[in-house]
Amino acid sequence: MLAPADGPLAVASEITPPPPTSTPETSSSAAAADLPPNRFELELEFVQCLASPAYMHHLATSGLLSDPSFLSFLRYLRYWSHPEYARFLVYPHCLYFLDLLCESEGFRREMANVAFRNFVHEQQFYGWQHRGRNLYGRGAADREEGGAGGGGTAG
């Protein structure tokens, strides 16, 4: 078992996000000095929240997805797709949604509709379900067929 100092959080504490690009809130050096020391963890948590269609719906209905400064922040967060940062993501699907939010005005607009949010959630679920079947099989059904048939399919 890894000691806490040897785990991924110890490595994450040594990595810092890139400096923000010039946005209205970080245009001065004083604003850059006010960045929290746990910025890496905060941005990691926020980016992973984008894997949730319900959260993206909340952002859309609150008007944030039409705010130019928020869109600039989302474009800044694309650094998470670089391998040295992406390795910390538990929900890499958030990067796909981050790209959609940055590139597609239609996607940002449609996320405000409940029916579209539900559609995106269903498609996400079906993708996970398909991936799970391909990676892990069908679970107990595979074991029952293999065990009852003598260990495999006859040819």
Protein backbone atom coordinates (compact mmCIF):
# COMPACT_ATOMS: atom_id res chain seq x y z
CA MET A 1 0.00 0.00 0.00
CA LEU A 2 1.25 3.46 -0.83
CA ALA A 3 2.04 5.87 1.93
CA PRO A 4 0.07 9.14 1.67
CA ALA A 5 3.23 10.98 0.61
CA ASP A 6 3.68 8.55 -2.32
CA GLY A 7 0.13 8.82 -3.73
CA PRO A 8 -1.19 10.85 -6.63
CA LEU A 9 -2.07 13.79 -4.40
CA ALA A 10 1.56 14.16 -3.41
CA VAL A 11 2.48 14.39 -7.08
CA ALA A 12 -0.43 16.75 -7.72
CA SER A 13 0.80 19.10 -5.02
CA GLU A 14 4.05 19.50 -6.96
CA ILE A 15 2.23 20.43 -10.19
CA THR A 16 0.79 23.88 -10.64
CA PRO A 17 -1.60 24.99 -13.36
CA PRO A 18 -0.25 27.26 -16.06
CA PRO A 19 -0.65 30.96 -15.38
CA PRO A 20 -3.98 32.32 -16.53
CA THR A 21 -4.04 34.12 -19.82
CA SER A 22 -4.84 37.80 -19.68
CA THR A 23 -8.46 38.02 -18.70
CA PRO A 24 -10.17 41.00 -17.12
CA GLU A 25 -9.93 39.45 -13.66
CA THR A 26 -6.21 38.63 -13.95
CA SER A 27 -4.91 41.56 -15.97
CA SER A 28 -2.79 42.95 -13.15
CA SER A 29 0.05 41.30 -11.29
CA ALA A 30 -1.76 41.99 -8.02
CA ALA A 31 -4.69 39.85 -9.19
CA ALA A 32 -2.29 37.05 -10.13
CA ALA A 33 -0.78 37.20 -6.65
CA ASP A 34 -4.28 36.73 -5.18
CA LEU A 35 -4.70 33.28 -6.74
CA PRO A 36 -5.40 30.64 -4.09
CA PRO A 37 -2.64 28.14 -3.28
CA ASN A 38 -5.05 25.25 -3.97
CA ARG A 39 -5.89 26.48 -7.46
CA PHE A 40 -4.88 23.12 -8.97
CA GLU A 41 -7.45 21.23 -6.90
CA LEU A 42 -10.15 23.86 -7.46
CA GLU A 43 -9.72 23.82 -11.22
CA LEU A 44 -9.50 20.01 -11.27
CA GLU A 45 -12.78 19.76 -9.39
CA PHE A 46 -14.49 22.32 -11.61
CA VAL A 47 -13.32 20.70 -14.87
CA GLN A 48 -14.58 17.31 -13.70
CA CYS A 49 -17.97 18.83 -12.87
CA LEU A 50 -18.32 19.45 -16.59
CA ALA A 51 -18.78 15.69 -17.03
CA SER A 52 -22.26 16.16 -15.54
CA PRO A 53 -25.00 17.19 -17.99
CA ALA A 54 -27.04 18.40 -15.01
CA TYR A 55 -24.24 20.78 -14.00
CA MET A 56 -23.85 22.05 -17.56
CA HIS A 57 -27.61 22.62 -17.60
CA HIS A 58 -27.26 24.66 -14.42
CA LEU A 59 -24.51 26.75 -16.01
CA ALA A 60 -26.66 27.32 -19.09
CA THR A 61 -29.81 28.29 -17.19
CA SER A 62 -27.89 30.64 -14.92
CA GLY A 63 -26.58 32.52 -17.98
CA LEU A 64 -22.92 31.72 -17.43
CA LEU A 65 -22.54 29.97 -20.78
CA SER A 66 -23.36 33.22 -22.57
CA ASP A 67 -20.94 35.33 -20.51
CA PRO A 68 -17.79 36.14 -22.56
CA SER A 69 -15.52 36.19 -19.51
CA PHE A 70 -16.77 32.75 -18.41
CA LEU A 71 -16.21 31.41 -21.93
CA SER A 72 -12.69 32.80 -21.77
CA PHE A 73 -12.19 30.92 -18.49
CA LEU A 74 -13.43 27.71 -20.13
CA ARG A 75 -10.95 28.18 -22.99
CA TYR A 76 -8.20 28.67 -20.41
CA LEU A 77 -9.14 25.36 -18.77
CA ARG A 78 -8.34 23.45 -21.94
CA TYR A 79 -4.83 22.93 -20.56
CA TRP A 80 -6.34 19.95 -18.72
CA SER A 81 -6.24 18.02 -22.00
CA HIS A 82 -2.41 17.96 -21.88
CA PRO A 83 -1.14 14.59 -20.59
CA GLU A 84 0.69 16.03 -17.58
CA TYR A 85 -2.67 17.33 -16.29
CA ALA A 86 -5.14 14.85 -17.82
CA ARG A 87 -3.64 12.00 -15.78
CA PHE A 88 -5.34 13.45 -12.69
CA LEU A 89 -8.84 13.35 -14.20
CA VAL A 90 -11.18 10.67 -12.93
CA TYR A 91 -13.87 11.62 -15.46
CA PRO A 92 -12.02 12.25 -18.73
CA HIS A 93 -15.36 12.67 -20.47
CA CYS A 94 -15.34 16.19 -19.05
CA LEU A 95 -12.73 17.14 -21.66
CA TYR A 96 -15.14 16.26 -24.45
CA PHE A 97 -17.80 18.47 -22.91
CA LEU A 98 -15.25 21.22 -22.27
CA ASP A 99 -14.41 21.22 -25.99
CA LEU A 100 -18.10 21.31 -26.91
CA LEU A 101 -18.73 24.21 -24.53
CA CYS A 102 -15.80 26.15 -25.98
CA GLU A 103 -16.50 25.46 -29.65
CA SER A 104 -20.25 25.03 -30.11
CA GLU A 105 -22.62 27.89 -29.48
CA GLY A 106 -25.51 25.59 -30.39
CA PHE A 107 -24.48 23.10 -27.69
CA ARG A 108 -24.25 25.90 -25.09
CA ARG A 109 -27.69 27.18 -26.09
CA GLU A 110 -29.33 23.73 -26.15
CA MET A 111 -27.97 22.77 -22.71
CA ALA A 112 -30.58 25.13 -21.24
CA ASN A 113 -33.34 22.79 -22.48
CA VAL A 114 -34.25 20.01 -20.06
CA ALA A 115 -35.03 17.58 -22.89
CA PHE A 116 -31.56 18.11 -24.39
CA ARG A 117 -29.91 17.75 -20.99
CA ASN A 118 -31.71 14.43 -20.53
CA PHE A 119 -30.73 13.32 -24.04
CA VAL A 120 -27.05 14.09 -23.36
CA HIS A 121 -27.25 12.25 -20.04
CA GLU A 122 -28.80 9.19 -21.70
CA GLN A 123 -26.18 9.15 -24.45
CA GLN A 124 -23.44 9.45 -21.86
CA PHE A 125 -24.93 6.53 -19.92
CA TYR A 126 -25.21 4.38 -23.06
CA GLY A 127 -21.59 5.13 -23.90
CA TRP A 128 -20.48 4.05 -20.43
CA GLN A 129 -22.70 0.97 -20.58
CA HIS A 130 -21.27 -0.05 -23.97
CA ARG A 131 -17.70 0.60 -22.82
CA GLY A 132 -18.30 -1.45 -19.67
CA ARG A 133 -19.63 -4.40 -21.63
CA ASN A 134 -16.70 -4.31 -24.02
CA LEU A 135 -14.11 -4.02 -21.26
CA TYR A 136 -15.62 -6.23 -18.58
CA GLY A 137 -18.13 -8.47 -20.35
CA ARG A 138 -21.69 -8.92 -19.19
CA GLY A 139 -20.80 -9.81 -15.63
CA ALA A 140 -22.74 -12.64 -14.00
CA ALA A 141 -24.40 -13.69 -17.28
CA ASP A 142 -20.97 -14.49 -18.79
CA ARG A 143 -19.92 -16.46 -15.73
CA GLU A 144 -23.15 -18.50 -15.75
CA GLU A 145 -22.86 -19.36 -19.45
CA GLY A 146 -19.16 -20.22 -19.11
CA GLY A 147 -19.67 -22.31 -15.98
CA ALA A 148 -22.74 -24.21 -17.18
CA GLY A 149 -21.42 -24.94 -20.66
CA GLY A 150 -18.13 -26.43 -19.55
CA GLY A 151 -15.98 -23.32 -19.79
CA GLY A 152 -16.81 -21.75 -23.14
CA THR A 153 -18.76 -21.93 -26.35
CA ALA A 154 -18.58 -24.99 -28.53
CA GLY A 155 -17.58 -24.47 -32.16
